Protein backbone atom coordinates (compact mmCIF):
# COMPACT_ATOMS: atom_id res chain seq x y z
CA UNK A 1 -131.37 240.05 -131.26
CA UNK A 2 -133.20 238.88 -134.38
CA UNK A 3 -133.47 235.38 -135.83
CA UNK A 4 -130.13 233.56 -135.94
CA UNK A 5 -128.84 231.93 -139.09
CA UNK A 6 -127.74 228.32 -139.35
CA UNK A 7 -125.02 227.39 -141.79
CA UNK A 8 -123.05 224.28 -140.90
CA UNK A 9 -125.43 222.61 -138.50
CA UNK A 10 -124.09 220.89 -135.44
CA UNK A 11 -125.84 220.18 -132.14
CA UNK A 12 -123.81 222.99 -130.58
CA UNK A 13 -125.04 225.46 -133.19
CA UNK A 14 -128.63 224.38 -132.74
CA UNK A 15 -128.21 224.79 -128.98
CA UNK A 16 -126.88 228.29 -129.62
CA UNK A 17 -129.89 229.03 -131.83
CA UNK A 18 -132.22 227.80 -129.07
CA UNK A 19 -130.40 230.01 -126.59
CA UNK A 20 -130.89 233.04 -128.85
CA UNK A 21 -134.57 232.23 -129.40
CA UNK A 22 -135.19 231.85 -125.67
CA UNK A 23 -133.32 235.06 -124.88
CA UNK A 24 -135.38 236.94 -127.47
CA UNK A 25 -138.62 235.48 -126.07
CA UNK A 26 -137.67 236.61 -122.56
CA UNK A 27 -136.80 240.10 -123.84
CA UNK A 28 -140.17 240.28 -125.61
CA UNK A 29 -141.99 239.37 -122.41
CA UNK A 30 -143.27 236.06 -123.81
CA UNK A 31 -141.35 234.00 -121.25
CA UNK A 32 -140.16 234.62 -117.74
CA UNK A 33 -137.30 232.23 -117.14
CA UNK A 34 -133.54 232.21 -116.57
CA UNK A 35 -132.06 231.05 -119.87
CA UNK A 36 -129.34 228.41 -119.38
CA UNK A 37 -126.02 228.58 -121.17
CA UNK A 38 -126.05 226.92 -124.61
CA UNK A 39 -124.01 224.00 -123.29
CA UNK A 40 -126.85 223.13 -120.90
CA UNK A 41 -129.48 222.95 -123.66
CA UNK A 42 -129.76 219.37 -124.93
CA UNK A 43 -130.05 218.75 -128.67
CA UNK A 44 -130.05 215.12 -129.78
CA UNK A 45 -130.85 212.91 -132.73
CA UNK A 46 -134.37 211.43 -132.46
CA UNK A 47 -134.51 207.64 -132.46
CA UNK A 48 -137.07 207.70 -135.25
CA UNK A 49 -135.83 209.48 -138.37
CA UNK A 50 -139.44 210.45 -139.21
CA UNK A 51 -139.42 212.74 -136.17
CA UNK A 52 -136.98 215.13 -137.81
CA UNK A 53 -133.25 215.76 -137.85
CA UNK A 54 -132.89 216.86 -134.21
CA UNK A 55 -134.96 216.98 -131.06
CA UNK A 56 -134.80 218.94 -127.81
CA UNK A 57 -136.45 218.63 -124.41
CA UNK A 58 -135.77 222.29 -123.60
CA UNK A 59 -139.45 222.96 -122.86
CA UNK A 60 -139.61 220.19 -120.28
CA UNK A 61 -136.28 221.41 -118.89
CA UNK A 62 -137.51 224.99 -118.33
CA UNK A 63 -141.25 224.61 -117.76
CA UNK A 64 -141.14 224.69 -113.97
CA UNK A 65 -138.97 227.81 -113.88
CA UNK A 66 -141.20 229.48 -116.48
CA UNK A 67 -144.34 228.63 -114.52
CA UNK A 68 -146.20 227.26 -117.55
CA UNK A 69 -147.06 223.83 -119.01
CA UNK A 70 -144.18 222.31 -121.04
CA UNK A 71 -146.25 222.02 -124.20
CA UNK A 72 -147.27 225.68 -124.06
CA UNK A 73 -143.65 226.70 -123.61
CA UNK A 74 -142.63 224.39 -126.47
CA UNK A 75 -145.16 225.98 -128.81
CA UNK A 76 -143.80 229.43 -127.99
CA UNK A 77 -140.24 228.30 -128.70
CA UNK A 78 -141.28 226.43 -131.85
CA UNK A 79 -142.90 229.53 -133.29
CA UNK A 80 -139.65 231.47 -133.04
CA UNK A 81 -137.30 228.59 -133.90
CA UNK A 82 -139.25 227.89 -137.07
CA UNK A 83 -138.24 231.33 -138.37
CA UNK A 84 -134.52 230.57 -138.02
CA UNK A 85 -132.82 230.43 -141.39
CA UNK A 86 -132.02 226.79 -142.23
CA UNK A 87 -134.84 225.30 -140.14
CA UNK A 88 -137.52 223.78 -142.36
CA UNK A 89 -140.02 222.89 -139.65
CA UNK A 90 -140.44 222.54 -135.88
CA UNK A 91 -143.11 220.27 -134.45
CA UNK A 92 -144.20 219.91 -130.84
CA UNK A 93 -144.59 216.28 -129.83
CA UNK A 94 -145.87 214.52 -126.73
CA UNK A 95 -145.63 216.49 -123.50
CA UNK A 96 -143.44 219.17 -125.09
CA UNK A 97 -140.59 217.76 -127.16
CA UNK A 98 -139.34 219.85 -130.08
CA UNK A 99 -138.74 217.90 -133.29
CA UNK A 100 -136.61 220.00 -135.62
CA UNK A 101 -136.27 219.43 -139.37
CA UNK A 102 -133.61 221.27 -141.37
CA UNK A 103 -133.72 222.21 -145.00
CA UNK A 104 -131.46 220.17 -147.27
CA UNK A 105 -128.85 222.91 -147.61
CA UNK A 106 -128.39 223.29 -143.87
CA UNK A 107 -128.27 219.54 -143.33
CA UNK A 108 -125.83 219.04 -146.19
CA UNK A 109 -123.46 221.73 -144.94
CA UNK A 110 -122.36 219.22 -142.31
CA UNK A 111 -120.38 217.37 -145.00
CA UNK A 112 -118.21 220.43 -145.61
CA UNK A 113 -117.84 221.03 -141.86
CA UNK A 114 -116.52 217.51 -141.33
CA UNK A 115 -114.09 217.59 -144.24
CA UNK A 116 -112.70 220.99 -143.26
CA UNK A 117 -112.48 220.07 -139.57
CA UNK A 118 -110.65 216.86 -140.43
CA UNK A 119 -109.16 214.84 -137.59
CA UNK A 120 -110.55 217.31 -135.04
CA UNK A 121 -114.18 216.50 -135.89
CA UNK A 122 -115.76 214.78 -132.92
CA UNK A 123 -113.28 216.22 -130.44
CA UNK A 124 -114.32 218.76 -127.83
CA UNK A 125 -113.17 220.52 -124.67
CA UNK A 126 -115.90 219.31 -122.31
CA UNK A 127 -113.33 217.73 -119.99
CA UNK A 128 -110.76 220.50 -120.26
CA UNK A 129 -109.12 221.20 -116.92
CA UNK A 130 -109.57 217.64 -115.65
CA UNK A 131 -106.34 215.81 -114.80
CA UNK A 132 -106.78 212.05 -114.93
CA UNK A 133 -104.42 209.21 -114.08
CA UNK A 134 -105.56 206.10 -115.96
CA UNK A 135 -103.96 202.89 -114.73
CA UNK A 136 -104.50 199.67 -116.65
CA UNK A 137 -102.87 196.29 -117.41
CA UNK A 138 -100.27 196.58 -114.59
CA UNK A 139 -98.97 193.06 -115.14
CA UNK A 140 -96.30 191.32 -113.07
CA UNK A 141 -93.01 191.41 -115.01
CA UNK A 142 -92.51 187.69 -114.40
CA UNK A 143 -93.94 186.48 -117.70
CA UNK A 144 -95.53 187.52 -121.00
CA UNK A 145 -98.87 189.30 -121.15
CA UNK A 146 -101.64 186.72 -121.32
CA UNK A 147 -105.22 186.79 -122.52
CA UNK A 148 -106.40 188.11 -119.15
CA UNK A 149 -104.40 191.32 -119.67
CA UNK A 150 -105.51 191.76 -123.27
CA UNK A 151 -109.00 193.10 -122.65
CA UNK A 152 -107.88 195.99 -120.44
CA UNK A 153 -104.98 196.73 -122.78
CA UNK A 154 -107.46 197.36 -125.60
CA UNK A 155 -110.17 199.07 -123.56
CA UNK A 156 -107.76 201.09 -121.44
CA UNK A 157 -105.96 202.52 -124.43
CA UNK A 158 -109.28 203.30 -126.16
CA UNK A 159 -110.49 205.08 -123.03
CA UNK A 160 -107.25 207.08 -122.92
CA UNK A 161 -107.91 208.21 -126.49
CA UNK A 162 -111.56 209.08 -125.77
CA UNK A 163 -110.83 211.10 -122.62
CA UNK A 164 -108.09 212.98 -124.43
CA UNK A 165 -110.47 213.66 -127.34
CA UNK A 166 -112.81 215.33 -124.84
CA UNK A 167 -110.10 217.68 -123.61
CA UNK A 168 -108.93 215.87 -120.47
CA UNK A 169 -105.26 215.82 -119.51
CA UNK A 170 -104.75 212.05 -119.32
CA UNK A 171 -101.71 210.13 -118.15
CA UNK A 172 -101.79 206.44 -119.01
CA UNK A 173 -99.84 204.55 -116.36
CA UNK A 174 -98.61 200.98 -116.04
CA UNK A 175 -97.86 199.91 -112.45
CA UNK A 176 -94.96 197.46 -112.52
CA UNK A 177 -95.36 194.90 -109.73
CA UNK A 178 -91.62 194.41 -109.34
CA UNK A 179 -91.41 194.03 -105.54
CA UNK A 180 -92.11 191.16 -103.23
CA UNK A 181 -91.51 187.44 -103.02
CA UNK A 182 -92.76 186.68 -106.55
CA UNK A 183 -89.71 188.46 -107.96
CA UNK A 184 -87.38 186.35 -105.82
CA UNK A 185 -89.12 183.20 -107.08
CA UNK A 186 -88.83 184.54 -110.62
CA UNK A 187 -85.06 184.91 -110.31
CA UNK A 188 -84.71 181.50 -108.61
CA UNK A 189 -86.80 179.91 -111.37
CA UNK A 190 -84.47 181.25 -114.06
CA UNK A 191 -81.40 179.93 -112.22
CA UNK A 192 -83.02 176.53 -111.61
CA UNK A 193 -83.94 176.26 -115.29
CA UNK A 194 -80.40 177.19 -116.29
CA UNK A 195 -79.14 174.43 -113.98
CA UNK A 196 -81.68 171.95 -115.27
CA UNK A 197 -83.18 171.44 -111.81
CA UNK A 198 -86.76 171.81 -110.60
CA UNK A 199 -88.02 175.34 -110.07
CA UNK A 200 -88.85 176.28 -106.46
CA UNK A 201 -92.37 175.75 -105.14
CA UNK A 202 -94.60 178.53 -106.40
CA UNK A 203 -92.01 179.43 -109.04
CA UNK A 204 -92.36 179.90 -112.79
CA UNK A 205 -91.89 177.52 -115.68
CA UNK A 206 -92.61 177.77 -119.36
CA UNK A 207 -91.08 178.56 -122.69
CA UNK A 208 -90.38 182.16 -121.67
CA UNK A 209 -88.40 181.04 -118.60
CA UNK A 210 -86.40 178.71 -120.84
CA UNK A 211 -85.61 181.60 -123.17
CA UNK A 212 -84.64 183.91 -120.32
CA UNK A 213 -82.32 181.26 -118.85
CA UNK A 214 -80.73 180.68 -122.24
CA UNK A 215 -80.21 184.39 -122.85
CA UNK A 216 -78.82 184.99 -119.38
CA UNK A 217 -76.35 182.13 -119.76
CA UNK A 218 -75.23 183.61 -123.08
CA UNK A 219 -74.64 186.96 -121.41
CA UNK A 220 -73.13 185.57 -118.24
CA UNK A 221 -71.47 182.18 -118.80
CA UNK A 222 -70.30 182.31 -115.18
CA UNK A 223 -73.87 182.49 -113.84
CA UNK A 224 -73.88 178.98 -112.43
CA UNK A 225 -70.46 179.43 -110.83
CA UNK A 226 -71.69 182.30 -108.67
CA UNK A 227 -72.96 181.83 -105.10
CA UNK A 228 -76.67 181.00 -105.02
CA UNK A 229 -77.76 184.35 -103.59
CA UNK A 230 -75.68 186.26 -106.13
CA UNK A 231 -76.86 184.22 -109.12
CA UNK A 232 -80.50 184.57 -108.02
CA UNK A 233 -80.15 188.33 -107.58
CA UNK A 234 -78.53 188.62 -111.00
CA UNK A 235 -81.22 186.49 -112.63
CA UNK A 236 -83.94 188.44 -110.89
CA UNK A 237 -82.68 191.82 -112.13
CA UNK A 238 -81.66 190.85 -115.66
CA UNK A 239 -84.70 188.61 -116.11
CA UNK A 240 -86.89 191.50 -115.00
CA UNK A 241 -85.29 193.87 -117.51
CA UNK A 242 -85.67 191.42 -120.38
CA UNK A 243 -89.24 190.48 -119.51
CA UNK A 244 -90.34 194.08 -119.01
CA UNK A 245 -88.83 194.99 -122.37
CA UNK A 246 -90.80 192.16 -123.98
CA UNK A 247 -94.03 193.36 -122.33
CA UNK A 248 -93.42 196.90 -123.56
CA UNK A 249 -92.76 195.70 -127.11
CA UNK A 250 -95.88 193.52 -127.11
CA UNK A 251 -98.05 196.43 -126.01
CA UNK A 252 -96.48 198.64 -128.68
CA UNK A 253 -97.31 195.97 -131.27
CA UNK A 254 -100.88 196.07 -129.93
CA UNK A 255 -100.89 199.86 -130.48
CA UNK A 256 -101.16 200.53 -126.73
CA UNK A 257 -99.39 203.59 -125.34
CA UNK A 258 -98.31 204.32 -121.78
CA UNK A 259 -96.96 207.65 -120.61
CA UNK A 260 -95.56 206.32 -117.32
CA UNK A 261 -94.14 202.96 -116.24
CA UNK A 262 -94.22 203.19 -112.46
CA UNK A 263 -92.13 200.78 -110.39
CA UNK A 264 -93.57 199.40 -107.17
CA UNK A 265 -90.03 198.72 -106.01
CA UNK A 266 -89.25 202.44 -106.25
CA UNK A 267 -91.84 203.08 -103.52
CA UNK A 268 -89.93 200.86 -101.12
CA UNK A 269 -86.44 202.02 -102.09
CA UNK A 270 -87.38 205.71 -101.74
CA UNK A 271 -89.06 205.26 -98.35
CA UNK A 272 -92.46 206.24 -99.77
CA UNK A 273 -94.19 203.27 -98.13
CA UNK A 274 -93.08 204.27 -94.63
CA UNK A 275 -93.89 207.89 -95.46
CA UNK A 276 -97.40 206.89 -96.56
CA UNK A 277 -98.03 205.09 -93.27
CA UNK A 278 -96.91 208.17 -91.35
CA UNK A 279 -99.11 210.48 -93.41
CA UNK A 280 -102.16 208.28 -92.92
CA UNK A 281 -101.43 208.14 -89.21
CA UNK A 282 -101.47 211.94 -89.14
CA UNK A 283 -104.93 211.79 -90.72
CA UNK A 284 -106.05 209.77 -87.69
CA UNK A 285 -106.87 206.50 -89.44
CA UNK A 286 -103.87 204.31 -88.44
CA UNK A 287 -103.83 202.23 -85.26
CA UNK A 288 -101.60 199.56 -83.71
CA UNK A 289 -102.85 196.11 -82.70
CA UNK A 290 -101.07 192.85 -81.85
CA UNK A 291 -97.72 194.27 -82.93
CA UNK A 292 -98.99 195.19 -86.39
CA UNK A 293 -99.92 198.56 -87.91
CA UNK A 294 -103.44 198.84 -89.30
CA UNK A 295 -105.50 201.25 -91.42
CA UNK A 296 -109.06 201.68 -90.20
CA UNK A 297 -110.73 201.34 -93.61
CA UNK A 298 -114.01 200.14 -92.10
CA UNK A 299 -114.76 203.77 -91.28
CA UNK A 300 -115.22 204.26 -95.02
CA UNK A 301 -117.17 201.21 -96.10
CA UNK A 302 -114.47 198.52 -96.37
CA UNK A 303 -115.52 195.10 -95.07
CA UNK A 304 -112.56 194.91 -92.64
CA UNK A 305 -109.58 196.94 -91.49
CA UNK A 306 -106.32 196.37 -93.36
CA UNK A 307 -102.81 195.60 -92.13
CA UNK A 308 -100.15 198.02 -93.32
CA UNK A 309 -97.10 196.69 -91.46
CA UNK A 310 -96.98 193.10 -90.24
CA UNK A 311 -95.85 192.22 -86.74
CA UNK A 312 -92.46 191.20 -88.20
CA UNK A 313 -91.99 194.73 -89.54
CA UNK A 314 -92.61 193.82 -93.20
CA UNK A 315 -94.99 196.12 -95.13
CA UNK A 316 -97.94 194.48 -96.84
CA UNK A 317 -98.93 194.82 -100.47
CA UNK A 318 -101.77 197.02 -99.21
CA UNK A 319 -99.19 199.43 -97.81
CA UNK A 320 -97.75 199.70 -101.31
CA UNK A 321 -101.26 200.42 -102.62
CA UNK A 322 -101.54 203.28 -100.13
CA UNK A 323 -98.16 204.70 -101.08
CA UNK A 324 -99.00 204.40 -104.76
CA UNK A 325 -102.31 206.23 -104.32
CA UNK A 326 -100.59 209.04 -102.44
CA UNK A 327 -97.95 209.21 -105.17
CA UNK A 328 -100.66 209.79 -107.76
CA UNK A 329 -102.21 212.42 -105.53
CA UNK A 330 -98.85 214.14 -105.00
CA UNK A 331 -98.24 214.20 -108.75
CA UNK A 332 -101.35 216.33 -109.22
CA UNK A 333 -103.90 213.80 -110.41
CA UNK A 334 -107.25 214.86 -109.01
CA UNK A 335 -108.93 211.89 -110.69
CA UNK A 336 -107.52 208.39 -110.41
CA UNK A 337 -109.04 205.66 -112.58
CA UNK A 338 -108.09 202.05 -111.82
CA UNK A 339 -108.94 199.40 -114.42
CA UNK A 340 -108.75 196.00 -112.73
CA UNK A 341 -109.37 192.39 -113.70
CA UNK A 342 -112.35 190.21 -112.86
CA UNK A 343 -110.61 188.73 -109.81
CA UNK A 344 -110.20 192.18 -108.20
CA UNK A 345 -113.76 192.94 -107.08
CA UNK A 346 -112.55 193.01 -103.48
CA UNK A 347 -110.22 195.89 -104.30
CA UNK A 348 -113.02 198.37 -104.99
CA UNK A 349 -113.89 198.97 -101.34
CA UNK A 350 -110.32 199.08 -100.09
CA UNK A 351 -109.11 201.47 -102.80
CA UNK A 352 -111.99 203.85 -102.13
CA UNK A 353 -111.22 203.57 -98.43
CA UNK A 354 -107.60 204.54 -99.14
CA UNK A 355 -108.83 207.64 -100.96
CA UNK A 356 -111.09 208.58 -98.04
CA UNK A 357 -108.34 207.99 -95.47
CA UNK A 358 -106.06 210.23 -97.53
CA UNK A 359 -108.61 213.03 -97.33
CA UNK A 360 -110.04 212.65 -100.84
CA UNK A 361 -113.63 212.23 -101.94
CA UNK A 362 -114.00 208.55 -102.94
CA UNK A 363 -116.95 209.45 -105.16
CA UNK A 364 -115.02 212.07 -107.11
CA UNK A 365 -111.28 211.42 -106.83
CA UNK A 366 -111.16 207.70 -107.54
CA UNK A 367 -112.96 205.37 -109.92
CA UNK A 368 -112.49 201.60 -110.09
CA UNK A 369 -113.57 199.70 -113.21
CA UNK A 370 -113.74 195.90 -113.26
CA UNK A 371 -113.42 193.92 -116.50
CA UNK A 372 -114.87 190.45 -116.96
CA UNK A 373 -113.09 187.38 -118.27
CA UNK A 374 -112.71 186.49 -121.93
CA UNK A 375 -112.23 183.24 -123.79
CA UNK A 376 -111.04 182.88 -127.37
CA UNK A 377 -111.71 179.60 -129.09
CA UNK A 378 -110.37 178.25 -132.36
CA UNK A 379 -108.06 175.85 -134.14
CA UNK A 380 -104.93 177.60 -132.89
CA UNK A 381 -106.00 176.98 -129.30
CA UNK A 382 -106.48 173.29 -129.98
CA UNK A 383 -102.89 172.98 -131.15
CA UNK A 384 -101.44 174.56 -128.01
CA UNK A 385 -100.11 172.66 -125.05
CA UNK A 386 -101.78 173.75 -121.86
CA UNK A 387 -104.23 176.58 -121.38
CA UNK A 388 -101.96 179.62 -121.53
CA UNK A 389 -102.58 181.99 -124.41
CA UNK A 390 -100.34 185.02 -124.59
CA UNK A 391 -100.99 188.34 -126.31
CA UNK A 392 -98.08 187.66 -128.66
CA UNK A 393 -99.90 184.49 -129.77
CA UNK A 394 -103.09 186.44 -130.42
CA UNK A 395 -101.26 189.04 -132.49
CA UNK A 396 -99.57 186.36 -134.60
CA UNK A 397 -102.72 184.28 -134.99
CA UNK A 398 -105.45 186.92 -135.42
CA UNK A 399 -103.78 190.33 -135.74
CA UNK A 400 -103.90 193.50 -133.66
CA UNK A 401 -106.87 195.18 -135.37
CA UNK A 402 -109.37 192.28 -135.09
CA UNK A 403 -108.37 191.54 -131.49
CA UNK A 404 -108.60 195.18 -130.38
CA UNK A 405 -111.85 195.90 -132.16
CA UNK A 406 -113.52 192.68 -130.99
CA UNK A 407 -112.66 193.43 -127.37
CA UNK A 408 -113.69 197.07 -127.65
CA UNK A 409 -117.14 196.46 -129.17
CA UNK A 410 -118.53 194.93 -125.96
CA UNK A 411 -119.06 196.46 -122.50
CA UNK A 412 -116.19 195.67 -120.14
CA UNK A 413 -118.51 194.05 -117.60
CA UNK A 414 -119.80 191.40 -120.03
CA UNK A 415 -117.99 188.03 -120.19
CA UNK A 416 -116.80 187.23 -123.71
CA UNK A 417 -116.50 183.97 -125.60
CA UNK A 418 -115.01 184.72 -129.02
CA UNK A 419 -114.11 182.50 -131.94
CA UNK A 420 -110.57 183.24 -133.11
CA UNK A 421 -111.10 181.80 -136.58
CA UNK A 422 -114.15 184.03 -137.09
CA UNK A 423 -112.13 187.07 -136.08
CA UNK A 424 -109.63 186.24 -138.82
CA UNK A 425 -112.21 186.22 -141.61
CA UNK A 426 -112.23 189.00 -144.19
CA UNK A 427 -115.97 189.13 -144.67
CA UNK A 428 -118.85 191.46 -143.88
CA UNK A 429 -119.81 189.12 -141.04
CA UNK A 430 -116.63 190.26 -139.26
CA UNK A 431 -117.43 193.70 -137.74
CA UNK A 432 -113.91 195.09 -137.93
CA UNK A 433 -113.59 194.10 -141.58
CA UNK A 434 -117.05 195.59 -142.28
CA UNK A 435 -116.04 198.97 -140.87
CA UNK A 436 -112.54 198.98 -142.34
CA UNK A 437 -113.93 197.99 -145.73
CA UNK A 438 -116.33 200.95 -145.61
CA UNK A 439 -113.36 203.25 -145.07
CA UNK A 440 -111.40 201.63 -147.88
CA UNK A 441 -114.45 201.99 -150.15
CA UNK A 442 -114.69 205.73 -149.45
CA UNK A 443 -111.03 206.05 -150.40
CA UNK A 444 -111.63 204.08 -153.60
CA UNK A 445 -114.65 206.24 -154.48
CA UNK A 446 -112.59 209.41 -154.08
CA UNK A 447 -109.69 207.94 -156.06
CA UNK A 448 -111.84 206.89 -159.02
CA UNK A 449 -113.89 210.10 -158.91
CA UNK A 450 -110.68 212.09 -159.22
CA UNK A 451 -109.68 210.05 -162.24
CA UNK A 452 -113.05 210.91 -163.80
CA UNK A 453 -112.56 214.62 -163.13
CA UNK A 454 -114.83 214.97 -160.08
CA UNK A 455 -113.11 217.32 -157.63
CA UNK A 456 -114.44 218.83 -154.41
CA UNK A 457 -112.84 222.18 -155.10
CA UNK A 458 -114.91 222.71 -158.26
CA UNK A 459 -118.18 223.16 -156.41
CA UNK A 460 -120.45 222.24 -153.53
CA UNK A 461 -124.22 222.67 -153.32
CA UNK A 462 -125.51 221.00 -150.15
CA UNK A 463 -129.12 221.64 -151.19
CA UNK A 464 -128.69 218.91 -153.81
CA UNK A 465 -128.18 216.20 -151.17
CA UNK A 466 -131.87 215.31 -151.05
CA UNK A 467 -131.90 211.54 -151.54
CA UNK A 468 -133.33 209.64 -148.58
CA UNK A 469 -130.09 207.76 -147.99
CA UNK A 470 -128.21 211.05 -147.93
CA UNK A 471 -130.40 212.46 -145.17
CA UNK A 472 -129.90 209.26 -143.17
CA UNK A 473 -126.13 209.28 -143.71
CA UNK A 474 -125.84 212.96 -142.76
CA UNK A 475 -127.86 212.33 -139.61
CA UNK A 476 -125.47 209.55 -138.61
CA UNK A 477 -122.40 211.69 -139.31
CA UNK A 478 -123.80 214.48 -137.17
CA UNK A 479 -124.21 212.11 -134.26
CA UNK A 480 -120.50 211.29 -134.00
CA UNK A 481 -119.54 214.08 -131.54
CA UNK A 482 -122.32 213.02 -129.16
CA UNK A 483 -121.22 209.38 -129.31
CA UNK A 484 -117.61 210.34 -128.53
CA UNK A 485 -118.65 212.42 -125.54
CA UNK A 486 -120.99 209.77 -124.19
CA UNK A 487 -118.43 206.99 -124.63
CA UNK A 488 -115.86 209.02 -122.68
CA UNK A 489 -118.23 210.05 -119.90
CA UNK A 490 -119.62 206.53 -119.40
CA UNK A 491 -116.21 204.84 -119.90
CA UNK A 492 -117.73 202.73 -122.69
CA UNK A 493 -115.60 202.58 -125.86
CA UNK A 494 -117.99 199.98 -127.28
CA UNK A 495 -120.38 202.83 -128.12
CA UNK A 496 -117.91 204.08 -130.72
CA UNK A 497 -117.52 200.63 -132.28
CA UNK A 498 -121.27 200.06 -132.54
CA UNK A 499 -121.70 203.57 -133.98
CA UNK A 500 -119.08 202.85 -136.66
CA UNK A 501 -120.85 199.66 -137.66
CA UNK A 502 -124.12 201.55 -138.05
CA UNK A 503 -122.39 204.31 -140.01
CA UNK A 504 -120.73 201.76 -142.30
CA UNK A 505 -124.12 200.20 -143.00
CA UNK A 506 -125.65 203.57 -143.86
CA UNK A 507 -122.71 204.39 -146.11
CA UNK A 508 -122.93 201.07 -147.98
CA UNK A 509 -126.65 201.69 -148.59
CA UNK A 510 -125.94 205.21 -149.85
CA UNK A 511 -123.17 203.87 -152.09
CA UNK A 512 -125.63 201.42 -153.66
CA UNK A 513 -128.21 204.15 -154.36
CA UNK A 514 -126.22 207.30 -155.18
CA UNK A 515 -123.48 207.82 -157.75
CA UNK A 516 -120.48 210.04 -157.11
CA UNK A 517 -118.94 209.35 -160.52
CA UNK A 518 -120.71 209.91 -163.84
CA UNK A 519 -122.29 206.75 -165.29
CA UNK A 520 -120.64 207.22 -168.70
CA UNK A 521 -117.80 209.22 -170.17
CA UNK A 522 -120.39 211.38 -171.94
CA UNK A 523 -122.30 212.28 -168.77
CA UNK A 524 -121.73 215.85 -167.68
CA UNK A 525 -120.08 216.33 -164.28
CA UNK A 526 -122.33 218.50 -162.13
CA UNK A 527 -122.39 219.92 -158.62
CA UNK A 528 -124.42 216.90 -157.59
CA UNK A 529 -121.40 214.66 -158.27
CA UNK A 530 -119.12 217.08 -156.45
CA UNK A 531 -121.46 217.48 -153.48
CA UNK A 532 -121.71 213.72 -153.14
CA UNK A 533 -117.93 213.53 -153.17
CA UNK A 534 -117.94 215.90 -150.18
CA UNK A 535 -120.38 213.56 -148.43
CA UNK A 536 -118.24 210.53 -149.31
CA UNK A 537 -115.12 212.20 -147.96
CA UNK A 538 -116.94 213.34 -144.81
CA UNK A 539 -117.87 209.71 -144.18
CA UNK A 540 -114.27 208.66 -144.73
CA UNK A 541 -113.12 211.22 -142.17
CA UNK A 542 -115.57 210.12 -139.49
CA UNK A 543 -114.78 206.44 -140.04
CA UNK A 544 -111.06 207.22 -139.74
CA UNK A 545 -111.58 209.37 -136.65
CA UNK A 546 -113.68 206.67 -134.96
CA UNK A 547 -111.25 203.87 -135.75
CA UNK A 548 -108.43 206.08 -134.49
CA UNK A 549 -110.20 206.47 -131.14
CA UNK A 550 -110.27 202.67 -130.92
CA UNK A 551 -106.61 202.33 -131.87
CA UNK A 552 -107.56 200.43 -135.02
CA UNK A 553 -106.12 201.19 -138.45
CA UNK A 554 -108.17 202.73 -141.27
CA UNK A 555 -106.80 201.09 -144.43
CA UNK A 556 -107.18 202.86 -147.78
CA UNK A 557 -107.20 199.63 -149.75
CA UNK A 558 -108.43 196.15 -148.87
């Protein structure tokens, strides 16, 4: 085939070059091995920059099949890979790792690739063909979203963006818990508040109930003249509509998007709960005992069997869970991801058991993620009455970007104790400000460079990007697609946030050491200035793309 050429170097192109080199070596009789597809050949950034621009464990990966020591195989591959145009050097390290260094021109071409690819840089099709239902938040429509919902709102929406960026067909779904006794108590609480009497035991009280009662009385002055059952039913329905609308608006203000708002009540009204019980009985996992109907979930790892229909004929909440799972299955979602709060650990086993009883593979068709609790301290909290802190309060006090970013930069399974006043600060000690400021600085650099007559279209010579900070910055930019893929696969949006902070730091260092604009009006504008503008704009694009995956804005001025 001949030695391949590398222009705009990405890990995928290096993997393709490795594939070509291996294929040629097999054809020449130097190796006897089945060459994997390029997508199966790993090319990664080395942890230590001194070890080159990229590294590969391909020799260790193929040594057994080739019937030769990994280091010997690596040396054979290195000899051929070193002749690839754009590769400056290939060294064999340790038991057989390949450390690959590119020449400056090949490394610098990445800047043009990023700018020309634009918003699509970092996206891929690795998850194409996968249909995923992603359920998160799923709050009761009996009150505003509180701090406990906030973490999954941020992380769930970021995960939706990441999975979509990797080619998956994702439906973000909010399960509305609008059935059951809590809704009756909700309606009764509104009526009691309107009457000025005590709310029923287990009912709801608070400023939001006061507002709902006031609004309902304004709409229906005859509310208190109606029979109790009628007034409660009216308050339940209208209160539900108003509260759900407020939840939807709050999530929109938090930049959280849902494709589907699924009503639990619709499962009961359409007969889907009874249908689910019948379908599970056909699967052979339903049995009757003591007048109740049970699902034998212990067959699939649950700690005890679960009641579906009580002895009095009333379906349990678990029966709704079963009907809801089957609904997702019927709607074509082969993968169901549930994002649940810290108090839902017990749900993991029962949800996986539902999947197994329905005939699915609980290791492939369902995934349950548990988020830990958070606490936000600060002056605003000290001025509040009681312990409730709603998402609307957080947005007013701190702002959507700092709240989202701060929640997304930590793993979901780590408890958080954040300082609200610190999150409000516009300083480099505040991670979201640090990253957003880097983006705004790239925009300012481009704006001022244009005023000085430095334009990308007038020239680009990537071989001029030889400063040490430029090599480091290019290496970081090239790592973005891998970070996106890994964050999606591991369900860990915090990897993107931490990457952006590292990238911002590398950019600030480059900004301090390398000039995009001429120092004086007399200085001649050269391709070095223009090439650095390409690198500046490539950094801006990656920062914007990464912040977009987190649902955080990328301001042009700060």
